[in-house]
Amino acid sequence: MTGRSEAWLRQANSDLQAARCTAQEGFHSQACYLAGQAAEKALKALLVAAGITPPHSHSLERLVEVLQSEGLRLDGLRELRLKPLTRMNSETRYPQGDEAPADLFDNRDSDLALATAETVVNITAAELNA
């Protein structure tokens, strides 16, 4: 693991911990956003470790596609439902009409986001430490 990829993974873990804390305090939209950021940064850590400049994309599916196109076998990531977490990147931050994200996301959403992000971070960490 390179220093740069390690930095990406450390930040992913920090975002994941912040997501857990905000969820525990009832800030579910923020927890969902931070969980998505944790997953994104973990995937970008893998890209950096493979010598690939991460694309300017928040799409977790796109990042996995880039990793696969480079020959990385990440079966566990392909099986995850990443699209809901990707959608949370903007839906959790910006009001839609007269509804604030804080009113739209609950503990079920943050539980799902956290579970997905934790899986992504764990798979990524295992791959980087292999």
N, C-alpha and C. Protein backbone atom coordinates (compact mmCIF):
# COMPACT_ATOMS: atom_id res chain seq x y z
N MET A 1 0.85 -1.17 0.00
CA MET A 1 0.00 0.00 0.00
C MET A 1 0.90 1.23 0.00
N THR A 2 0.59 2.17 -0.87
CA THR A 2 1.37 3.41 -0.93
C THR A 2 0.90 4.38 0.14
N GLY A 3 1.72 5.37 0.42
CA GLY A 3 1.32 6.39 1.38
C GLY A 3 0.05 7.11 0.97
N ARG A 4 -0.06 7.37 -0.33
CA ARG A 4 -1.24 8.09 -0.82
C ARG A 4 -2.49 7.24 -0.69
N SER A 5 -2.41 5.96 -1.07
CA SER A 5 -3.60 5.10 -0.96
C SER A 5 -3.96 4.89 0.52
N GLU A 6 -2.94 4.84 1.36
CA GLU A 6 -3.20 4.71 2.80
C GLU A 6 -3.93 5.95 3.33
N ALA A 7 -3.57 7.12 2.82
CA ALA A 7 -4.24 8.35 3.24
C ALA A 7 -5.72 8.33 2.82
N TRP A 8 -5.99 7.87 1.61
CA TRP A 8 -7.38 7.74 1.14
C TRP A 8 -8.15 6.79 2.06
N LEU A 9 -7.54 5.67 2.43
CA LEU A 9 -8.22 4.70 3.28
C LEU A 9 -8.42 5.24 4.69
N ARG A 10 -7.44 5.96 5.22
CA ARG A 10 -7.61 6.58 6.54
C ARG A 10 -8.78 7.55 6.53
N GLN A 11 -8.88 8.34 5.45
CA GLN A 11 -10.00 9.29 5.38
C GLN A 11 -11.33 8.57 5.24
N ALA A 12 -11.33 7.47 4.50
CA ALA A 12 -12.55 6.66 4.37
C ALA A 12 -12.99 6.16 5.75
N ASN A 13 -12.05 5.68 6.53
CA ASN A 13 -12.37 5.21 7.88
C ASN A 13 -12.84 6.34 8.78
N SER A 14 -12.25 7.51 8.62
CA SER A 14 -12.67 8.67 9.40
C SER A 14 -14.10 9.08 9.04
N ASP A 15 -14.41 9.11 7.75
CA ASP A 15 -15.76 9.44 7.31
C ASP A 15 -16.76 8.40 7.81
N LEU A 16 -16.36 7.14 7.81
CA LEU A 16 -17.24 6.08 8.29
C LEU A 16 -17.53 6.25 9.79
N GLN A 17 -16.50 6.57 10.55
CA GLN A 17 -16.71 6.80 11.98
C GLN A 17 -17.60 8.03 12.21
N ALA A 18 -17.39 9.07 11.44
CA ALA A 18 -18.24 10.26 11.57
C ALA A 18 -19.69 9.93 11.20
N ALA A 19 -19.88 9.08 10.21
CA ALA A 19 -21.23 8.65 9.83
C ALA A 19 -21.90 7.91 10.98
N ARG A 20 -21.15 7.04 11.64
CA ARG A 20 -21.71 6.30 12.80
C ARG A 20 -22.14 7.28 13.90
N CYS A 21 -21.27 8.24 14.19
CA CYS A 21 -21.57 9.21 15.25
C CYS A 21 -22.81 10.04 14.92
N THR A 22 -22.89 10.52 13.68
CA THR A 22 -24.03 11.36 13.32
C THR A 22 -25.32 10.54 13.30
N ALA A 23 -25.25 9.29 12.89
CA ALA A 23 -26.44 8.43 12.92
C ALA A 23 -26.91 8.23 14.36
N GLN A 24 -25.97 8.00 15.27
CA GLN A 24 -26.32 7.79 16.68
C GLN A 24 -27.01 9.02 17.28
N GLU A 25 -26.66 10.18 16.77
CA GLU A 25 -27.26 11.43 17.26
C GLU A 25 -28.55 11.78 16.52
N GLY A 26 -28.95 10.95 15.56
CA GLY A 26 -30.21 11.18 14.85
C GLY A 26 -30.11 12.03 13.60
N PHE A 27 -28.90 12.32 13.16
CA PHE A 27 -28.70 13.11 11.95
C PHE A 27 -28.53 12.15 10.77
N HIS A 28 -29.63 11.57 10.34
CA HIS A 28 -29.58 10.46 9.39
C HIS A 28 -29.20 10.87 7.98
N SER A 29 -29.64 12.02 7.52
CA SER A 29 -29.24 12.43 6.16
C SER A 29 -27.74 12.68 6.10
N GLN A 30 -27.20 13.30 7.14
CA GLN A 30 -25.76 13.54 7.17
C GLN A 30 -24.99 12.22 7.29
N ALA A 31 -25.51 11.28 8.05
CA ALA A 31 -24.87 9.98 8.19
C ALA A 31 -24.84 9.26 6.84
N CYS A 32 -25.93 9.35 6.10
CA CYS A 32 -25.97 8.72 4.77
C CYS A 32 -24.94 9.34 3.84
N TYR A 33 -24.84 10.66 3.87
CA TYR A 33 -23.86 11.35 3.02
C TYR A 33 -22.44 10.90 3.39
N LEU A 34 -22.11 10.91 4.67
CA LEU A 34 -20.77 10.53 5.10
C LEU A 34 -20.47 9.07 4.80
N ALA A 35 -21.47 8.22 4.90
CA ALA A 35 -21.26 6.81 4.55
C ALA A 35 -20.91 6.68 3.07
N GLY A 36 -21.60 7.43 2.23
CA GLY A 36 -21.28 7.42 0.81
C GLY A 36 -19.88 7.93 0.54
N GLN A 37 -19.48 8.96 1.26
CA GLN A 37 -18.13 9.49 1.11
C GLN A 37 -17.08 8.46 1.54
N ALA A 38 -17.37 7.73 2.59
CA ALA A 38 -16.44 6.69 3.05
C ALA A 38 -16.26 5.62 1.98
N ALA A 39 -17.35 5.18 1.39
CA ALA A 39 -17.27 4.15 0.33
C ALA A 39 -16.51 4.69 -0.88
N GLU A 40 -16.81 5.91 -1.26
CA GLU A 40 -16.14 6.51 -2.43
C GLU A 40 -14.63 6.62 -2.19
N LYS A 41 -14.23 7.09 -1.03
CA LYS A 41 -12.80 7.26 -0.75
C LYS A 41 -12.09 5.92 -0.63
N ALA A 42 -12.78 4.92 -0.12
CA ALA A 42 -12.17 3.58 -0.05
C ALA A 42 -11.91 3.05 -1.46
N LEU A 43 -12.88 3.21 -2.35
CA LEU A 43 -12.69 2.75 -3.74
C LEU A 43 -11.58 3.54 -4.42
N LYS A 44 -11.50 4.82 -4.14
CA LYS A 44 -10.45 5.64 -4.74
C LYS A 44 -9.07 5.25 -4.17
N ALA A 45 -9.03 4.75 -2.94
CA ALA A 45 -7.77 4.24 -2.40
C ALA A 45 -7.27 3.07 -3.23
N LEU A 46 -8.18 2.19 -3.64
CA LEU A 46 -7.80 1.06 -4.50
C LEU A 46 -7.29 1.55 -5.85
N LEU A 47 -7.97 2.54 -6.41
CA LEU A 47 -7.53 3.09 -7.69
C LEU A 47 -6.11 3.66 -7.58
N VAL A 48 -5.88 4.44 -6.54
CA VAL A 48 -4.56 5.05 -6.33
C VAL A 48 -3.51 3.96 -6.15
N ALA A 49 -3.83 2.93 -5.38
CA ALA A 49 -2.87 1.84 -5.16
C ALA A 49 -2.54 1.12 -6.46
N ALA A 50 -3.50 1.11 -7.40
CA ALA A 50 -3.28 0.46 -8.69
C ALA A 50 -2.61 1.41 -9.68
N GLY A 51 -2.27 2.62 -9.24
CA GLY A 51 -1.61 3.59 -10.12
C GLY A 51 -2.56 4.32 -11.05
N ILE A 52 -3.82 4.34 -10.71
CA ILE A 52 -4.84 4.98 -11.55
C ILE A 52 -5.29 6.27 -10.88
N THR A 53 -5.32 7.35 -11.64
CA THR A 53 -5.85 8.60 -11.12
C THR A 53 -7.36 8.45 -11.00
N PRO A 54 -7.91 8.65 -9.82
CA PRO A 54 -9.35 8.48 -9.65
C PRO A 54 -10.14 9.46 -10.52
N PRO A 55 -11.19 8.98 -11.17
CA PRO A 55 -12.01 9.88 -11.96
C PRO A 55 -12.77 10.84 -11.04
N HIS A 56 -13.12 12.00 -11.58
CA HIS A 56 -13.94 12.95 -10.83
C HIS A 56 -15.38 12.48 -10.91
N SER A 57 -15.70 11.51 -10.09
CA SER A 57 -17.03 10.90 -10.11
C SER A 57 -17.40 10.50 -8.70
N HIS A 58 -18.68 10.68 -8.39
CA HIS A 58 -19.20 10.21 -7.11
C HIS A 58 -19.93 8.89 -7.27
N SER A 59 -19.99 8.39 -8.49
CA SER A 59 -20.70 7.14 -8.77
C SER A 59 -19.87 5.95 -8.31
N LEU A 60 -20.37 5.27 -7.30
CA LEU A 60 -19.66 4.11 -6.78
C LEU A 60 -19.61 3.00 -7.82
N GLU A 61 -20.69 2.86 -8.59
CA GLU A 61 -20.72 1.85 -9.65
C GLU A 61 -19.64 2.13 -10.68
N ARG A 62 -19.49 3.39 -11.04
CA ARG A 62 -18.47 3.79 -12.03
C ARG A 62 -17.07 3.47 -11.50
N LEU A 63 -16.82 3.75 -10.24
CA LEU A 63 -15.50 3.47 -9.67
C LEU A 63 -15.21 1.98 -9.68
N VAL A 64 -16.20 1.16 -9.38
CA VAL A 64 -16.03 -0.29 -9.43
C VAL A 64 -15.76 -0.74 -10.86
N GLU A 65 -16.47 -0.15 -11.82
CA GLU A 65 -16.24 -0.48 -13.24
C GLU A 65 -14.80 -0.18 -13.65
N VAL A 66 -14.28 0.97 -13.22
CA VAL A 66 -12.90 1.33 -13.55
C VAL A 66 -11.94 0.31 -12.94
N LEU A 67 -12.18 -0.07 -11.70
CA LEU A 67 -11.33 -1.06 -11.05
C LEU A 67 -11.38 -2.39 -11.80
N GLN A 68 -12.55 -2.80 -12.21
CA GLN A 68 -12.69 -4.06 -12.94
C GLN A 68 -12.03 -3.98 -14.31
N SER A 69 -12.12 -2.82 -14.95
CA SER A 69 -11.51 -2.68 -16.27
C SER A 69 -9.98 -2.77 -16.19
N GLU A 70 -9.45 -2.53 -15.00
CA GLU A 70 -8.01 -2.64 -14.77
C GLU A 70 -7.62 -4.05 -14.33
N GLY A 71 -8.59 -4.95 -14.31
CA GLY A 71 -8.30 -6.34 -14.00
C GLY A 71 -8.39 -6.73 -12.54
N LEU A 72 -8.85 -5.83 -11.69
CA LEU A 72 -9.00 -6.18 -10.28
C LEU A 72 -10.27 -6.99 -10.09
N ARG A 73 -10.16 -8.13 -9.43
CA ARG A 73 -11.31 -8.99 -9.16
C ARG A 73 -11.89 -8.62 -7.81
N LEU A 74 -13.01 -7.99 -7.85
CA LEU A 74 -13.64 -7.52 -6.62
C LEU A 74 -15.08 -8.03 -6.56
N ASP A 75 -15.21 -9.35 -6.50
CA ASP A 75 -16.52 -9.98 -6.56
C ASP A 75 -17.46 -9.46 -5.48
N GLY A 76 -16.96 -9.25 -4.29
CA GLY A 76 -17.80 -8.77 -3.20
C GLY A 76 -18.40 -7.41 -3.47
N LEU A 77 -17.67 -6.56 -4.16
CA LEU A 77 -18.18 -5.22 -4.49
C LEU A 77 -19.25 -5.28 -5.56
N ARG A 78 -19.08 -6.17 -6.52
CA ARG A 78 -20.06 -6.26 -7.61
C ARG A 78 -21.42 -6.72 -7.09
N GLU A 79 -21.42 -7.47 -6.00
CA GLU A 79 -22.66 -8.00 -5.46
C GLU A 79 -23.42 -6.99 -4.60
N LEU A 80 -22.76 -5.92 -4.19
CA LEU A 80 -23.41 -4.91 -3.36
C LEU A 80 -24.35 -4.04 -4.18
N ARG A 81 -25.39 -3.59 -3.52
CA ARG A 81 -26.27 -2.61 -4.16
C ARG A 81 -25.71 -1.22 -3.85
N LEU A 82 -24.91 -0.69 -4.77
CA LEU A 82 -24.23 0.58 -4.55
C LEU A 82 -25.03 1.78 -5.01
N LYS A 83 -25.97 1.57 -5.91
CA LYS A 83 -26.72 2.70 -6.48
C LYS A 83 -27.46 3.52 -5.41
N PRO A 84 -28.13 2.89 -4.43
CA PRO A 84 -28.78 3.72 -3.41
C PRO A 84 -27.80 4.62 -2.65
N LEU A 85 -26.63 4.10 -2.37
CA LEU A 85 -25.63 4.90 -1.66
C LEU A 85 -25.11 6.03 -2.56
N THR A 86 -24.95 5.75 -3.84
CA THR A 86 -24.54 6.79 -4.78
C THR A 86 -25.59 7.90 -4.84
N ARG A 87 -26.84 7.53 -4.90
CA ARG A 87 -27.92 8.53 -4.97
C ARG A 87 -27.95 9.43 -3.74
N MET A 88 -27.56 8.86 -2.62
CA MET A 88 -27.59 9.63 -1.37
C MET A 88 -26.57 10.77 -1.37
N ASN A 89 -25.63 10.74 -2.29
CA ASN A 89 -24.60 11.78 -2.34
C ASN A 89 -25.21 13.17 -2.47
N SER A 90 -26.21 13.33 -3.32
CA SER A 90 -26.83 14.65 -3.46
C SER A 90 -28.17 14.74 -2.75
N GLU A 91 -28.91 13.64 -2.72
CA GLU A 91 -30.23 13.66 -2.11
C GLU A 91 -30.20 13.97 -0.62
N THR A 92 -29.07 13.69 0.02
CA THR A 92 -28.96 13.93 1.46
C THR A 92 -28.49 15.34 1.79
N ARG A 93 -28.13 16.10 0.78
CA ARG A 93 -27.57 17.43 1.05
C ARG A 93 -28.44 18.58 0.59
N TYR A 94 -29.25 18.38 -0.42
CA TYR A 94 -29.97 19.50 -1.03
C TYR A 94 -31.47 19.30 -0.95
N PRO A 95 -32.20 20.34 -0.53
CA PRO A 95 -33.66 20.23 -0.49
C PRO A 95 -34.25 19.95 -1.87
N GLN A 96 -35.30 19.13 -1.85
CA GLN A 96 -36.07 18.85 -3.06
C GLN A 96 -37.43 19.49 -2.87
N GLY A 97 -37.69 20.55 -3.62
CA GLY A 97 -38.93 21.28 -3.42
C GLY A 97 -38.96 21.89 -2.03
N ASP A 98 -40.03 21.58 -1.29
CA ASP A 98 -40.15 22.16 0.05
C ASP A 98 -39.75 21.17 1.15
N GLU A 99 -39.06 20.08 0.78
CA GLU A 99 -38.65 19.09 1.76
C GLU A 99 -37.13 19.13 1.95
N ALA A 100 -36.73 19.22 3.19
CA ALA A 100 -35.30 19.19 3.53
C ALA A 100 -34.86 17.74 3.67
N PRO A 101 -33.63 17.43 3.30
CA PRO A 101 -33.13 16.07 3.48
C PRO A 101 -33.28 15.57 4.91
N ALA A 102 -33.14 16.45 5.87
CA ALA A 102 -33.27 16.05 7.27
C ALA A 102 -34.65 15.46 7.56
N ASP A 103 -35.65 15.83 6.76
CA ASP A 103 -37.01 15.33 6.94
C ASP A 103 -37.26 14.03 6.17
N LEU A 104 -36.38 13.68 5.26
CA LEU A 104 -36.63 12.56 4.36
C LEU A 104 -35.89 11.28 4.72
N PHE A 105 -34.83 11.37 5.50
CA PHE A 105 -34.00 10.21 5.81
C PHE A 105 -34.17 9.83 7.28
N ASP A 106 -34.26 8.52 7.52
CA ASP A 106 -34.44 8.04 8.88
C ASP A 106 -33.40 6.98 9.22
N ASN A 107 -33.56 6.35 10.37
CA ASN A 107 -32.57 5.38 10.82
C ASN A 107 -32.46 4.17 9.90
N ARG A 108 -33.52 3.80 9.21
CA ARG A 108 -33.42 2.68 8.26
C ARG A 108 -32.48 3.04 7.11
N ASP A 109 -32.58 4.29 6.66
CA ASP A 109 -31.69 4.74 5.58
C ASP A 109 -30.24 4.77 6.04
N SER A 110 -30.00 5.33 7.21
CA SER A 110 -28.61 5.42 7.67
C SER A 110 -28.07 4.03 8.02
N ASP A 111 -28.91 3.13 8.51
CA ASP A 111 -28.45 1.76 8.78
C ASP A 111 -28.00 1.08 7.48
N LEU A 112 -28.80 1.24 6.43
CA LEU A 112 -28.46 0.64 5.14
C LEU A 112 -27.19 1.27 4.58
N ALA A 113 -27.09 2.59 4.64
CA ALA A 113 -25.92 3.29 4.12
C ALA A 113 -24.66 2.86 4.88
N LEU A 114 -24.76 2.78 6.19
CA LEU A 114 -23.61 2.38 7.00
C LEU A 114 -23.19 0.94 6.71
N ALA A 115 -24.15 0.06 6.60
CA ALA A 115 -23.82 -1.35 6.33
C ALA A 115 -23.11 -1.48 4.98
N THR A 116 -23.61 -0.79 3.97
CA THR A 116 -22.99 -0.85 2.65
C THR A 116 -21.59 -0.25 2.68
N ALA A 117 -21.47 0.92 3.28
CA ALA A 117 -20.16 1.58 3.35
C ALA A 117 -19.15 0.75 4.13
N GLU A 118 -19.57 0.16 5.23
CA GLU A 118 -18.66 -0.68 6.02
C GLU A 118 -18.16 -1.86 5.20
N THR A 119 -19.05 -2.45 4.41
CA THR A 119 -18.64 -3.57 3.56
C THR A 119 -17.63 -3.11 2.52
N VAL A 120 -17.88 -1.98 1.89
CA VAL A 120 -16.95 -1.45 0.88
C VAL A 120 -15.59 -1.18 1.52
N VAL A 121 -15.59 -0.52 2.66
CA VAL A 121 -14.32 -0.18 3.33
C VAL A 121 -13.59 -1.46 3.74
N ASN A 122 -14.30 -2.44 4.25
CA ASN A 122 -13.66 -3.69 4.67
C ASN A 122 -13.08 -4.46 3.49
N ILE A 123 -13.81 -4.54 2.40
CA ILE A 123 -13.30 -5.24 1.20
C ILE A 123 -12.08 -4.51 0.69
N THR A 124 -12.14 -3.21 0.65
CA THR A 124 -11.04 -2.39 0.15
C THR A 124 -9.80 -2.56 1.03
N ALA A 125 -10.00 -2.48 2.34
CA ALA A 125 -8.87 -2.61 3.26
C ALA A 125 -8.21 -3.99 3.11
N ALA A 126 -9.03 -5.02 2.98
CA ALA A 126 -8.49 -6.37 2.82
C ALA A 126 -7.69 -6.47 1.53
N GLU A 127 -8.18 -5.86 0.47
CA GLU A 127 -7.48 -5.90 -0.83
C GLU A 127 -6.17 -5.13 -0.74
N LEU A 128 -6.19 -3.99 -0.08
CA LEU A 128 -4.97 -3.18 0.02
C LEU A 128 -3.92 -3.83 0.91
N ASN A 129 -4.37 -4.58 1.90
CA ASN A 129 -3.44 -5.22 2.83
C ASN A 129 -3.04 -6.61 2.41
N ALA A 130 -3.56 -7.08 1.28
CA ALA A 130 -3.26 -8.46 0.81
C ALA A 130 -1.84 -8.55 0.26
